[in-house]
Each structure stands twice: as C-alpha cells, then as structure tokens.
Amino acid sequence: MTKSQTHKLQAQAIGATLQKAITQHQRGELQAAAALYLQILELEPDHFDALHLLGVFALQTKDAQAAFDLISRAVALNPEQVLAQSNLGAALQQLRRFDDALRCYDNALRLDPDHLQSLNNCGVTLQEMKRYADAAACFERALRLVPGDLDALNNLANAFIDLRRFDEALICLDQVLAANPRHVAAHFNRGNALQHCNRTDEALLNYSSALELDPTHLDAHFNAGVCRLLSGDFEGGWPEYEWRLKKEVYRGLREEFAQAPWRGQALRGKTILVYAEQDYGDTLQFVRYVAPLAALGAKVLLRVQAPLKPLLHGIAGAHRVLANGEALPPFDYHCPLMSLPLALGTRLDTIPAAAQAYLGCDAGRARAWQARLGEKTLPRVGLMWSGNAAHDNDGARSIPLIRCAALLVPGIQFVSLQKELGAVDRIMLENRPELGRFPELQTDFAETAALLAQMDLVITVDTSVAHLAAAMGKPVWILLPFAPDWRWMLGRDDSPWYAGATLFRQTAVGDWDGVLARVAERLRAFAP
C-alpha cells in the first residue's frame, strides 16, 4: 500500500470517527463524543474540527481554560471560521476576559454580520461589563434578524431590567412565555422585573414557576428568599436566603472550615465562630446576634473585615474579635453572620436589640472629634449622599451632591460624612465651606463612629453609615430608592431593625426630588 493510500484510509477513518462524535455530541452524549475527538487528535493533532468541538465540549462542561486553549488552536488554523471565533469569544467570556471576548465577537460579525449567536453573546458580555445600553442594542439587532428569537428576547429583557425599563422588560418576557411557557429563564427574569416594581406577590409566582421547572435553580431560590424578606415573611424568607451559600462566590467559605456548621445545636460550653460574609453594612446590622449567642452559653469568636475590628473590639458577647486573615483559635461550630436569623428563628417581633443601641464609640476618639468640630451652637446634622461606586445597585441608591443642595437649610450645622468624594463633589464642597468635611481623618469605622457621636441627626442613603448610626442609637433618616434592599421592606417609614430610623422612600423610580423635598421640609422643623 502506498503512502498516499494509507493517508487516504486514515482520512476516511477520521472522517467516520468525526461524524460519529458529532452525532453523539448532538444527542447529549458528551463524554463519549469527547473521547472520539481525542482519538482524532492523537492521529492528527492539528485537526480543526476536533480541536474546535472538543473546545465546545469543554465550554459545555464549564472548563473555560481548556476551551480557550483548544478553540484558540483551532482559530489559529482557520481564522475565517465564524462559529469558532464566536465560541472562542464564549470561552474568553467565561474566563471574564471581556475585552478579548468582544474582539472575537467582532471578528465573527465581520465575517458574518448576521451571526445570531455572536450578537447574543456579544450582548451578554456587554451586560457583564455593565454597558447595558450597548447590550440592548446588540439584542435589538439580533431581533431584527430573527424577530421571534426567544434567547434574544429574554436577553433584551435582562438588559431592560438593568436599565430600569421594567415595563419593556415585562413585554419581552410575556412574549417569550407566550411562545414557551416552560422557559425557565423567562420566569426567573419576570420575577426579577416584578420585584424591582415592588410587585412581590406576582414575583413570587414567577419564581415558583421557575422552581417547578428547575427545582435546583439557585438564583430563583435565593431571589425568592429576598422577595419574601422584603415582604416581611421572615419564616419563609430565611430558609431560601441560605441558597446564597451555594453560589460560586462562597466557594472559599464553604471549603474553609472542617468544623460543623451551626444550625441551632446546643451551645453551652462550646466555641462558635461567626463571621462576616458580605459588606460592611451587613456586618454592622447582624453583629447584634453575638450577644444572644453568648447568652446561650457559647464562647463567641467574631471574625470581621479589618476596617471594622477597632470599632467592634469589646462588643458585648464576643470572647474575641478577629480580622479576616488572622489565625483562628480552636472552635466547635461556625456560622456566617447572615445565617444566624434562621438558626435562631428570628421573626419580625423577635429581632434582637431592635429598640436599643448595641454599638458605641471610643471616648478618646470622641473627644478628639469634639475638639475638631468646635463648640456646638446649632443642631448638627451629618450628611451621606453616596455609597461605594462599585456596589451593584449604587446607581439606584446614591444621589449626586448637586441634587442635595436643597437640604442645606439655614439654622443647622451640616457635616459631610463622605469618606470617598468624586471630582464634582470636591469642587462643590470647596464652594460650600459651611459643609464641614473630614474624609482623610475617617481612617476606619471607629473614627466614623466617633464623628457620628457628635451628630444630633444623620441623613444618609443606604450605606454602611446608615447601619452604624442606627446601631449607635442615633436618629437617622435613610433615603431609599423605589425598589429598596430587602431589609428596609415595603410600605413603612420605620424599621423593625432600628428604633431610631426613619425611612424616606422614592414614590417612583428615580424620584429623588420628591424624597429631598420631604426631607428638607422635615429639616426646617428640626432647625431652631
């Protein structure tokens, strides 16, 4: 047999194996298909289709690095293949290399401007980058090509939710569900849109539909829990809220401890580690549970974010306070702070320390702030108008300082509580010397607490300062967006968590002017 004949037979065998692999792949027999792709690559290491399709298998099994390695080799062999460029973008998207992913989608769309998969994936990547308007434009373009494409409609609805265009999102999702009532993602996303509209009963129906179709849908469980907590249904909400611990972001916490998690076991004579898991405000709100644990006979170790350790050193009930990263002493059980309400069976009427202060400030730091601020001749009000710009909901919860000028009524000494200032805020503050500011001196939360101790009233958006002031027992007015965080609930101007809190809510999405007008009116009555 000649060399050419041998090569021809090998090519025929590879072709037959490839066809068999593709058939198995299409039937969902992924492992069997992958084994055949590997056989082909043993015979022909630069076989384009085997490299590409084995990379697709890796994508489907969430091995993004292997998918990138394989598909990038395929693209190097044939850069003009549209689907390979698109799938390389999907691998880079899973690796969170979003700019590189966009370049691949651009390559695919240059080769085929009507490539639906690339348009959809490009839009999803833009959403991940928080370029929501650009994402919507991608999905709109996809729908001009295929008007009834359900993935594009669902994705467009997602973009509209991020853009707070909830009515349009619901129109898209209703169309998806009319065409396919078993579309899990559409039920889930419709629940999200309704929850943003504070239509919690309807949102729960959609989350329930999603869970009937997919009982393991992690985000549907979690969002249903948030929705129930927002509605005041603590008994139904806390168990669903536990689904957060299955999220990928919690993998490190899940794998950190060999000790048993605490779920309500007897604690007398035992040592329990409770620890921060989310943001500063969450920690400040839920450290109220340390004292009740100590009352059950436990030795309580409290682990928190480093900037909170000086403030929480000596908190009632804590045997020891540690910062994240410090070596841990021996303990018997562990529990995230935000799982304690479930373990202790918290209801609306059993929230610990709801009517009393449970945080204070260092006396020496307080005296230093008294000296800095000077003699008080007018009521002193602290202002906080924006939170961490990296927060997912910061666009809804923060207010530009320029809009807060209406609050600066005469007869009050105002003090900025902002630690981080934007460029425009700095310029404005330079022109408003009557608004005291000390961002560089707020080196940790203990310093902020000592500053708050000098205030007669704190006015703040939904940030950690709201929780700190309220936990110190200060009168605090909290300015909330139309769709608030779950802990502030709906339809009330007080908080079951903090006796001294008064809530000022938007009556429509984005309506800060109405909120600020009501606060200014109350402030005039507060001034002498």
Protein backbone atom coordinates (compact mmCIF):
# COMPACT_ATOMS: atom_id res chain seq x y z
CA MET A 1 0.00 0.00 0.00
CA THR A 2 1.39 3.36 -0.97
CA LYS A 3 1.81 6.23 1.42
CA SER A 4 -0.99 8.17 -0.29
CA GLN A 5 -3.33 5.19 0.05
CA THR A 6 -2.52 4.90 3.75
CA HIS A 7 -3.17 8.60 4.21
CA LYS A 8 -6.50 8.31 2.34
CA LEU A 9 -7.65 5.41 4.55
CA GLN A 10 -6.64 7.33 7.68
CA ALA A 11 -8.56 10.39 6.47
CA GLN A 12 -11.61 8.23 5.83
CA ALA A 13 -11.35 6.70 9.31
CA ILE A 14 -11.01 10.15 10.87
CA GLY A 15 -14.00 11.38 8.88
CA ALA A 16 -16.14 8.48 10.08
CA THR A 17 -15.00 8.96 13.68
CA LEU A 18 -15.73 12.67 13.49
CA GLN A 19 -19.23 12.06 12.16
CA LYS A 20 -19.90 9.55 14.94
CA ALA A 21 -18.58 12.01 17.53
CA ILE A 22 -20.76 14.84 16.20
CA THR A 23 -23.83 12.58 16.31
CA GLN A 24 -23.11 11.64 19.93
CA HIS A 25 -22.44 15.27 20.79
CA GLN A 26 -25.78 16.31 19.32
CA ARG A 27 -27.54 13.56 21.31
CA GLY A 28 -26.01 14.92 24.53
CA GLU A 29 -23.54 12.03 24.96
CA LEU A 30 -20.78 14.49 25.77
CA GLN A 31 -18.20 12.20 27.34
CA ALA A 32 -18.40 9.68 24.52
CA ALA A 33 -18.06 12.43 21.92
CA ALA A 34 -15.08 13.95 23.73
CA ALA A 35 -13.31 10.57 23.76
CA LEU A 36 -13.69 10.32 19.98
CA TYR A 37 -12.40 13.89 19.45
CA LEU A 38 -9.33 12.91 21.46
CA GLN A 39 -8.82 9.81 19.29
CA ILE A 40 -8.81 12.01 16.21
CA LEU A 41 -6.29 14.42 17.76
CA GLU A 42 -3.95 11.55 18.58
CA LEU A 43 -3.87 10.76 14.85
CA GLU A 44 -3.97 14.36 13.63
CA PRO A 45 -3.04 16.93 16.34
CA ASP A 46 -3.99 19.89 14.13
CA HIS A 47 -7.43 18.64 13.12
CA PHE A 48 -9.55 21.82 13.09
CA ASP A 49 -12.96 20.27 13.77
CA ALA A 50 -11.73 18.00 16.57
CA LEU A 51 -9.95 20.90 18.31
CA HIS A 52 -12.96 23.18 17.91
CA LEU A 53 -15.59 20.67 19.01
CA LEU A 54 -13.53 19.37 21.93
CA GLY A 55 -13.29 23.01 22.96
CA VAL A 56 -17.08 23.29 22.70
CA PHE A 57 -17.33 20.22 24.99
CA ALA A 58 -15.04 21.99 27.47
CA LEU A 59 -17.26 25.08 27.27
CA GLN A 60 -20.35 22.99 27.97
CA THR A 61 -18.68 21.38 31.00
CA LYS A 62 -17.51 24.77 32.37
CA ASP A 63 -13.78 24.15 31.78
CA ALA A 64 -13.21 27.59 30.29
CA GLN A 65 -9.40 27.44 30.28
CA ALA A 66 -9.35 24.16 28.34
CA ALA A 67 -11.97 25.55 25.97
CA PHE A 68 -9.83 28.61 25.33
CA ASP A 69 -6.68 26.53 24.74
CA LEU A 70 -8.41 24.19 22.28
CA ILE A 71 -10.52 26.69 20.35
CA SER A 72 -7.69 29.21 20.07
CA ARG A 73 -5.60 26.47 18.39
CA ALA A 74 -8.48 25.83 16.00
CA VAL A 75 -8.85 29.54 15.21
CA ALA A 76 -5.12 29.79 14.52
CA LEU A 77 -5.60 27.05 11.89
CA ASN A 78 -8.67 28.70 10.33
CA PRO A 79 -9.32 32.29 11.50
CA GLU A 80 -12.09 32.71 8.92
CA GLN A 81 -14.43 30.19 10.59
CA VAL A 82 -17.27 32.20 12.12
CA LEU A 83 -18.51 29.72 14.70
CA ALA A 84 -15.01 29.07 16.03
CA GLN A 85 -14.44 32.80 16.50
CA SER A 86 -17.76 33.05 18.31
CA ASN A 87 -17.03 30.08 20.57
CA LEU A 88 -13.57 31.45 21.35
CA GLY A 89 -15.35 34.60 22.49
CA ALA A 90 -17.61 32.47 24.72
CA ALA A 91 -14.56 30.82 26.32
CA LEU A 92 -12.98 34.22 26.98
CA GLN A 93 -16.30 35.42 28.36
CA GLN A 94 -16.33 32.53 30.87
CA LEU A 95 -12.77 33.49 31.82
CA ARG A 96 -14.05 37.06 32.37
CA ARG A 97 -11.65 38.42 29.76
CA PHE A 98 -14.43 40.57 28.39
CA ASP A 99 -12.43 42.89 26.11
CA ASP A 100 -10.82 39.88 24.40
CA ALA A 101 -14.23 38.22 24.09
CA LEU A 102 -15.64 41.31 22.37
CA ARG A 103 -12.79 41.24 19.87
CA CYS A 104 -13.66 37.65 18.96
CA TYR A 105 -17.33 38.50 18.52
CA ASP A 106 -16.32 41.46 16.36
CA ASN A 107 -14.23 39.07 14.23
CA ALA A 108 -17.20 36.71 13.88
CA LEU A 109 -19.57 39.54 12.95
CA ARG A 110 -17.08 40.91 10.43
CA LEU A 111 -17.16 37.50 8.74
CA ASP A 112 -20.96 37.19 9.08
CA PRO A 113 -22.82 40.36 10.18
CA ASP A 114 -26.00 38.31 10.70
CA HIS A 115 -24.49 35.68 13.03
CA LEU A 116 -27.16 35.39 15.71
CA GLN A 117 -25.08 33.54 18.33
CA SER A 118 -22.34 36.16 18.18
CA LEU A 119 -24.84 39.02 18.54
CA ASN A 120 -26.45 37.38 21.56
CA ASN A 121 -23.13 36.51 23.21
CA CYS A 122 -21.74 39.95 22.48
CA GLY A 123 -24.76 41.46 24.22
CA VAL A 124 -24.34 39.21 27.26
CA THR A 125 -20.67 40.19 27.51
CA LEU A 126 -21.58 43.89 27.34
CA GLN A 127 -24.07 43.30 30.17
CA GLU A 128 -21.29 41.74 32.25
CA MET A 129 -19.29 44.90 31.59
CA LYS A 130 -22.29 46.98 32.76
CA ARG A 131 -22.64 48.51 29.30
CA TYR A 132 -26.36 47.91 29.41
CA ALA A 133 -27.45 50.26 26.61
CA ASP A 134 -24.87 48.72 24.25
CA ALA A 135 -26.06 45.25 25.26
CA ALA A 136 -29.66 46.18 24.48
CA ALA A 137 -28.59 47.45 21.06
CA CYS A 138 -26.98 44.05 20.32
CA PHE A 139 -30.13 42.18 21.24
CA GLU A 140 -32.29 44.59 19.25
CA ARG A 141 -30.07 43.92 16.23
CA ALA A 142 -30.45 40.15 16.78
CA LEU A 143 -34.23 40.54 16.91
CA ARG A 144 -34.28 42.48 13.66
CA LEU A 145 -32.70 39.40 12.08
CA VAL A 146 -34.95 36.85 13.83
CA PRO A 147 -37.91 38.70 15.37
CA GLY A 148 -39.15 35.78 17.43
CA ASP A 149 -35.81 34.54 18.80
CA LEU A 150 -36.57 33.67 22.43
CA ASP A 151 -32.96 33.90 23.67
CA ALA A 152 -32.60 37.39 22.23
CA LEU A 153 -35.95 38.47 23.71
CA ASN A 154 -35.01 37.10 27.11
CA ASN A 155 -31.59 38.76 26.95
CA LEU A 156 -33.14 42.06 25.87
CA ALA A 157 -35.46 41.85 28.88
CA ASN A 158 -32.42 41.38 31.11
CA ALA A 159 -30.81 44.48 29.64
CA PHE A 160 -34.03 46.45 30.16
CA ILE A 161 -34.08 45.35 33.82
CA ASP A 162 -30.54 46.65 34.25
CA LEU A 163 -31.61 49.91 32.57
CA ARG A 164 -34.64 50.07 34.93
CA ARG A 165 -37.01 49.90 31.98
CA PHE A 166 -39.18 47.34 33.70
CA ASP A 167 -42.37 47.73 31.66
CA GLU A 168 -40.45 46.99 28.46
CA ALA A 169 -38.75 44.03 30.12
CA LEU A 170 -42.13 42.58 31.04
CA ILE A 171 -43.41 42.98 27.46
CA CYS A 172 -40.42 40.97 26.18
CA LEU A 173 -40.79 38.27 28.82
CA ASP A 174 -44.52 37.92 28.26
CA GLN A 175 -43.80 37.28 24.59
CA VAL A 176 -41.20 34.62 25.48
CA LEU A 177 -43.59 32.85 27.86
CA ALA A 178 -46.47 33.01 25.38
CA ALA A 179 -44.27 31.12 22.91
CA ASN A 180 -42.76 28.78 25.53
CA PRO A 181 -44.49 28.61 28.93
CA ARG A 182 -41.69 26.32 30.16
CA HIS A 183 -38.89 28.86 29.57
CA VAL A 184 -37.19 28.80 32.98
CA ALA A 185 -35.02 31.88 32.48
CA ALA A 186 -38.01 33.95 31.37
CA HIS A 187 -39.99 33.01 34.50
CA PHE A 188 -36.97 33.89 36.63
CA ASN A 189 -36.33 37.19 34.89
CA ARG A 190 -40.01 38.12 35.02
CA GLY A 191 -39.84 37.58 38.78
CA ASN A 192 -36.86 39.92 38.92
CA ALA A 193 -38.62 42.63 36.91
CA LEU A 194 -41.73 42.41 39.10
CA GLN A 195 -39.66 42.51 42.28
CA HIS A 196 -37.99 45.71 41.07
CA CYS A 197 -41.53 47.10 40.68
CA ASN A 198 -42.31 46.06 44.30
CA ARG A 199 -44.94 43.63 42.96
CA THR A 200 -43.71 40.91 45.32
CA ASP A 201 -46.72 38.56 45.23
CA GLU A 202 -46.56 38.37 41.44
CA ALA A 203 -42.78 38.00 41.52
CA LEU A 204 -43.07 35.01 43.86
CA LEU A 205 -45.45 33.32 41.43
CA ASN A 206 -42.83 33.55 38.68
CA TYR A 207 -40.04 32.32 40.95
CA SER A 208 -42.30 29.39 41.91
CA SER A 209 -42.88 28.62 38.22
CA ALA A 210 -39.14 28.65 37.57
CA LEU A 211 -38.58 26.29 40.51
CA GLU A 212 -41.32 23.91 39.40
CA LEU A 213 -39.46 23.57 36.10
CA ASP A 214 -35.99 23.52 37.68
CA PRO A 215 -36.05 22.74 41.43
CA THR A 216 -32.29 23.32 41.71
CA HIS A 217 -32.34 26.84 40.21
CA LEU A 218 -30.05 28.51 42.72
CA ASP A 219 -30.83 32.12 41.87
CA ALA A 220 -34.58 31.53 41.83
CA HIS A 221 -34.40 30.11 45.36
CA PHE A 222 -32.23 32.98 46.55
CA ASN A 223 -34.26 35.73 44.88
CA ALA A 224 -37.49 34.19 46.19
CA GLY A 225 -35.96 34.37 49.66
CA VAL A 226 -35.06 38.03 49.18
CA CYS A 227 -38.58 38.71 47.90
CA ARG A 228 -40.12 37.08 50.98
CA LEU A 229 -37.85 39.03 53.34
CA LEU A 230 -38.76 42.24 51.51
CA SER A 231 -42.41 41.37 52.15
CA GLY A 232 -41.77 40.72 55.85
CA ASP A 233 -42.16 36.94 55.55
CA PHE A 234 -39.13 36.03 57.64
CA GLU A 235 -40.26 32.46 58.26
CA GLY A 236 -40.42 31.77 54.53
CA GLY A 237 -37.51 34.02 53.59
CA TRP A 238 -34.62 32.90 55.79
CA PRO A 239 -34.51 29.28 54.52
CA GLU A 240 -34.46 30.40 50.88
CA TYR A 241 -31.85 33.07 51.67
CA GLU A 242 -29.48 30.22 52.61
CA TRP A 243 -29.20 29.33 48.92
CA ARG A 244 -26.71 32.20 48.64
CA LEU A 245 -24.14 29.89 50.24
CA LYS A 246 -24.25 27.64 47.17
CA LYS A 247 -23.16 30.48 44.90
CA GLU A 248 -19.69 30.29 43.37
CA VAL A 249 -18.59 33.41 45.25
CA TYR A 250 -18.99 31.45 48.50
CA ARG A 251 -16.83 28.51 47.42
CA GLY A 252 -13.92 29.66 49.60
CA LEU A 253 -16.10 29.90 52.70
CA ARG A 254 -17.66 26.51 52.02
CA GLU A 255 -14.25 24.89 51.81
CA GLU A 256 -12.52 26.80 54.62
CA PHE A 257 -13.83 25.01 57.69
CA ALA A 258 -13.64 21.36 58.73
CA GLN A 259 -15.86 22.02 61.76
CA ALA A 260 -19.62 21.52 61.63
CA PRO A 261 -21.84 24.44 60.62
CA TRP A 262 -24.10 25.68 63.41
CA ARG A 263 -27.78 25.21 62.68
CA GLY A 264 -29.19 25.58 66.20
CA GLN A 265 -27.37 22.84 68.14
CA ALA A 266 -26.87 23.28 71.92
CA LEU A 267 -24.06 25.77 72.53
CA ARG A 268 -23.42 25.64 76.26
CA GLY A 269 -19.72 25.07 76.79
CA LYS A 270 -18.99 25.26 73.04
CA THR A 271 -17.00 27.75 70.98
CA ILE A 272 -18.62 29.15 67.85
CA LEU A 273 -17.02 31.21 65.10
CA VAL A 274 -19.36 33.72 63.47
CA TYR A 275 -18.01 35.66 60.55
CA ALA A 276 -18.69 38.46 58.09
CA GLU A 277 -19.58 37.32 54.59
CA GLN A 278 -20.89 40.34 52.70
CA ASP A 279 -20.45 44.11 53.01
CA TYR A 280 -19.71 46.40 55.94
CA GLY A 281 -23.35 47.35 56.44
CA ASP A 282 -24.39 43.69 56.60
CA THR A 283 -21.80 43.05 59.30
CA LEU A 284 -22.88 46.08 61.33
CA GLN A 285 -26.53 45.03 61.12
CA PHE A 286 -26.01 41.40 62.09
CA VAL A 287 -23.39 41.66 64.85
CA ARG A 288 -26.43 42.23 67.07
CA TYR A 289 -26.63 38.41 67.17
CA VAL A 290 -23.34 37.99 69.05
CA ALA A 291 -24.86 38.76 72.46
CA PRO A 292 -27.79 36.29 72.06
CA LEU A 293 -25.29 33.54 71.16
CA ALA A 294 -23.25 34.29 74.28
CA ALA A 295 -26.48 34.14 76.29
CA LEU A 296 -26.90 30.54 75.09
CA GLY A 297 -23.66 29.65 76.86
CA ALA A 298 -21.32 29.89 73.85
CA LYS A 299 -17.85 31.34 73.68
CA VAL A 300 -18.23 33.54 70.58
CA LEU A 301 -15.38 34.28 68.18
CA LEU A 302 -16.27 37.12 65.81
CA ARG A 303 -14.35 37.49 62.52
CA VAL A 304 -14.96 40.70 60.58
CA GLN A 305 -13.46 42.92 57.87
CA ALA A 306 -10.25 44.60 59.08
CA PRO A 307 -11.63 48.20 59.00
CA LEU A 308 -14.39 47.11 61.41
CA LYS A 309 -12.18 45.42 64.00
CA PRO A 310 -11.31 48.54 66.05
CA LEU A 311 -14.98 49.51 66.22
CA LEU A 312 -16.20 46.04 67.22
CA HIS A 313 -13.39 45.28 69.68
CA GLY A 314 -15.15 44.74 73.00
CA ILE A 315 -18.67 44.31 71.56
CA ALA A 316 -20.97 42.69 74.10
CA GLY A 317 -20.91 38.90 73.94
CA ALA A 318 -17.74 38.46 71.88
CA HIS A 319 -14.97 36.45 73.53
CA ARG A 320 -12.57 37.67 70.84
CA VAL A 321 -12.79 39.79 67.69
CA LEU A 322 -10.54 38.89 64.76
CA ALA A 323 -9.94 40.47 61.38
CA ASN A 324 -10.20 38.49 58.15
CA GLY A 325 -6.91 36.72 57.55
CA GLU A 326 -5.92 36.35 61.20
CA ALA A 327 -5.15 32.88 62.56
CA LEU A 328 -8.19 31.29 64.15
CA PRO A 329 -8.18 29.68 67.59
CA PRO A 330 -9.92 26.28 68.02
CA PHE A 331 -13.72 26.25 67.76
CA ASP A 332 -16.55 23.73 67.60
CA TYR A 333 -19.04 25.30 65.20
CA HIS A 334 -19.09 28.04 62.59
CA CYS A 335 -21.87 30.18 61.13
CA PRO A 336 -21.99 33.16 58.75
CA LEU A 337 -23.47 36.23 60.44
CA MET A 338 -26.36 36.36 58.00
CA SER A 339 -27.37 32.76 58.69
CA LEU A 340 -27.91 33.49 62.39
CA PRO A 341 -31.50 34.77 61.93
CA LEU A 342 -32.50 31.39 60.50
CA ALA A 343 -30.66 29.39 63.15
CA LEU A 344 -32.23 31.48 65.92
CA GLY A 345 -35.69 31.55 64.34
CA THR A 346 -35.90 35.34 64.00
CA ARG A 347 -39.36 36.76 63.32
CA LEU A 348 -40.33 40.39 62.85
CA ASP A 349 -41.23 40.61 66.53
CA THR A 350 -38.10 38.86 67.85
CA ILE A 351 -35.28 40.86 66.22
CA PRO A 352 -32.51 41.26 68.83
CA ALA A 353 -31.56 44.78 70.01
CA ALA A 354 -34.20 46.37 67.77
CA ALA A 355 -35.01 49.04 70.36
CA GLN A 356 -31.58 49.70 71.80
CA ALA A 357 -28.09 50.73 70.79
CA TYR A 358 -25.59 47.90 70.52
CA LEU A 359 -22.56 49.79 69.19
CA GLY A 360 -20.68 52.72 70.69
CA CYS A 361 -17.51 54.71 70.13
CA ASP A 362 -14.16 55.18 71.80
CA ALA A 363 -14.25 58.04 74.33
CA GLY A 364 -10.80 59.34 73.38
CA ARG A 365 -11.65 59.47 69.70
CA ALA A 366 -14.93 61.18 70.52
CA ARG A 367 -13.11 63.94 72.47
CA ALA A 368 -10.77 64.48 69.50
CA TRP A 369 -13.77 64.97 67.20
CA GLN A 370 -15.38 67.36 69.67
CA ALA A 371 -12.24 69.47 69.52
CA ARG A 372 -12.13 69.40 65.70
CA LEU A 373 -15.76 70.42 65.32
CA GLY A 374 -15.63 73.11 67.99
CA GLU A 375 -18.41 74.36 70.20
CA LYS A 376 -21.86 73.37 69.02
CA THR A 377 -24.12 76.40 68.60
CA LEU A 378 -26.64 74.89 66.14
CA PRO A 379 -28.15 71.44 65.66
CA ARG A 380 -25.52 69.30 63.98
CA VAL A 381 -26.57 67.07 61.08
CA GLY A 382 -24.34 64.57 59.27
CA LEU A 383 -24.91 64.02 55.54
CA MET A 384 -24.03 60.95 53.45
CA TRP A 385 -25.24 61.10 49.85
CA SER A 386 -23.42 58.27 48.08
CA GLY A 387 -22.02 54.82 48.74
CA ASN A 388 -19.36 52.64 47.20
CA ALA A 389 -19.45 53.27 43.45
CA ALA A 390 -18.58 49.60 42.82
CA HIS A 391 -21.77 48.40 44.50
CA ASP A 392 -24.15 46.67 42.05
CA ASN A 393 -27.04 48.96 43.00
CA ASP A 394 -25.11 52.18 43.52
CA GLY A 395 -26.73 53.87 40.54
CA ALA A 396 -30.12 53.50 42.21
CA ARG A 397 -29.18 54.21 45.83
CA SER A 398 -26.74 57.16 45.59
CA ILE A 399 -27.66 60.81 44.96
CA PRO A 400 -25.41 63.39 43.27
CA LEU A 401 -24.39 66.07 45.76
CA ILE A 402 -25.63 68.78 43.41
CA ARG A 403 -29.18 67.49 43.94
CA CYS A 404 -28.75 67.52 47.72
CA ALA A 405 -28.23 71.28 47.88
CA ALA A 406 -31.93 71.64 48.75
CA LEU A 407 -31.22 70.01 52.11
CA LEU A 408 -28.83 72.72 53.28
CA VAL A 409 -31.49 74.74 55.09
CA PRO A 410 -30.44 77.61 57.40
CA GLY A 411 -30.14 77.16 61.15
CA ILE A 412 -28.26 73.84 61.02
CA GLN A 413 -24.56 72.95 61.07
CA PHE A 414 -24.05 70.32 58.37
CA VAL A 415 -21.12 67.90 58.34
CA SER A 416 -20.20 65.69 55.39
CA LEU A 417 -19.74 62.06 56.39
CA GLN A 418 -18.39 61.08 52.96
CA LYS A 419 -15.07 59.31 53.01
CA GLU A 420 -14.79 58.97 49.23
CA LEU A 421 -15.50 62.04 47.14
CA GLY A 422 -15.98 62.28 43.40
CA ALA A 423 -14.33 65.05 41.40
CA VAL A 424 -17.55 67.09 41.08
CA ASP A 425 -18.29 66.64 44.79
CA ARG A 426 -14.86 68.02 45.69
CA ILE A 427 -15.38 71.11 43.56
CA MET A 428 -18.81 71.70 45.07
CA LEU A 429 -17.53 71.27 48.63
CA GLU A 430 -14.78 73.81 48.01
CA ASN A 431 -17.56 76.29 47.25
CA ARG A 432 -19.65 75.27 50.29
CA PRO A 433 -17.36 75.94 53.28
CA GLU A 434 -20.38 75.72 55.60
CA LEU A 435 -20.49 71.97 54.93
CA GLY A 436 -17.70 70.54 57.07
CA ARG A 437 -15.78 67.60 55.68
CA PHE A 438 -13.06 65.29 57.05
CA PRO A 439 -12.58 62.40 54.61
CA GLU A 440 -8.88 61.94 55.31
CA LEU A 441 -9.48 61.61 59.06
CA GLN A 442 -12.04 58.79 58.76
CA THR A 443 -9.35 56.12 58.74
CA ASP A 444 -11.60 53.30 59.97
CA PHE A 445 -15.11 52.73 61.28
CA ALA A 446 -14.10 53.56 64.85
CA GLU A 447 -13.23 57.08 63.68
CA THR A 448 -16.50 57.36 61.77
CA ALA A 449 -18.40 56.22 64.87
CA ALA A 450 -16.69 58.91 66.96
CA LEU A 451 -17.67 61.51 64.35
CA LEU A 452 -21.26 60.22 64.29
CA ALA A 453 -21.41 60.54 68.06
CA GLN A 454 -21.20 64.33 67.63
CA MET A 455 -24.31 64.45 65.40
CA ASP A 456 -27.84 65.23 66.53
CA LEU A 457 -29.18 63.65 63.34
CA VAL A 458 -27.74 61.63 60.48
CA ILE A 459 -29.22 61.80 56.96
CA THR A 460 -27.88 59.13 54.64
CA VAL A 461 -28.58 56.97 51.66
CA ASP A 462 -28.49 53.18 52.11
CA THR A 463 -24.85 52.68 53.10
CA SER A 464 -22.87 51.21 55.98
CA VAL A 465 -23.09 54.62 57.71
CA ALA A 466 -26.87 54.17 57.94
CA HIS A 467 -26.36 50.92 59.84
CA LEU A 468 -23.59 52.32 62.02
CA ALA A 469 -25.55 55.40 63.06
CA ALA A 470 -28.70 53.37 63.71
CA ALA A 471 -26.80 50.71 65.68
CA MET A 472 -25.39 53.51 67.85
CA GLY A 473 -28.93 54.64 68.62
CA LYS A 474 -28.64 57.88 66.66
CA PRO A 475 -31.70 59.37 64.97
CA VAL A 476 -31.10 58.53 61.32
CA TRP A 477 -33.12 59.42 58.23
CA ILE A 478 -32.46 56.90 55.47
CA LEU A 479 -33.20 57.87 51.85
CA LEU A 480 -34.27 54.85 49.84
CA PRO A 481 -34.76 54.11 46.13
CA PHE A 482 -38.14 52.92 44.88
CA ALA A 483 -37.04 49.26 45.00
CA PRO A 484 -35.12 49.11 48.28
CA ASP A 485 -32.84 46.48 49.69
CA TRP A 486 -34.85 43.71 51.37
CA ARG A 487 -34.02 44.76 54.94
CA TRP A 488 -35.98 48.02 54.62
CA MET A 489 -39.09 46.15 53.48
CA LEU A 490 -42.01 47.98 51.83
CA GLY A 491 -44.80 50.37 52.77
CA ARG A 492 -43.44 51.65 56.08
CA ASP A 493 -41.44 54.67 57.25
CA ASP A 494 -39.89 52.90 60.23
CA SER A 495 -37.60 49.88 60.51
CA PRO A 496 -38.07 46.76 62.62
CA TRP A 497 -34.28 46.56 62.86
CA TYR A 498 -33.59 50.06 64.22
CA ALA A 499 -35.91 52.03 66.50
CA GLY A 500 -34.25 55.35 65.63
CA ALA A 501 -34.51 55.01 61.86
CA THR A 502 -36.98 56.96 59.71
CA LEU A 503 -37.29 55.90 56.08
CA PHE A 504 -37.88 58.30 53.20
CA ARG A 505 -38.81 56.35 50.08
CA GLN A 506 -39.00 57.22 46.41
CA THR A 507 -42.60 57.04 45.22
CA ALA A 508 -41.45 56.39 41.63
CA VAL A 509 -38.26 55.00 40.13
CA GLY A 510 -35.53 57.67 40.23
CA ASP A 511 -37.65 60.30 42.00
CA TRP A 512 -35.07 61.75 44.38
CA ASP A 513 -36.55 65.25 44.08
CA GLY A 514 -39.68 64.17 45.92
CA VAL A 515 -37.63 62.48 48.64
CA LEU A 516 -35.37 65.50 49.09
CA ALA A 517 -38.32 67.89 49.25
CA ARG A 518 -39.89 65.87 52.09
CA VAL A 519 -36.59 65.68 53.96
CA ALA A 520 -35.98 69.44 53.57
CA GLU A 521 -39.44 70.15 54.95
CA ARG A 522 -38.73 67.98 57.99
CA LEU A 523 -35.34 69.63 58.43
CA ARG A 524 -36.90 73.10 58.64
CA ALA A 525 -38.91 71.86 61.59
CA PHE A 526 -35.69 70.39 63.07
CA ALA A 527 -33.87 73.77 62.93
CA PRO A 528 -34.40 76.13 65.90
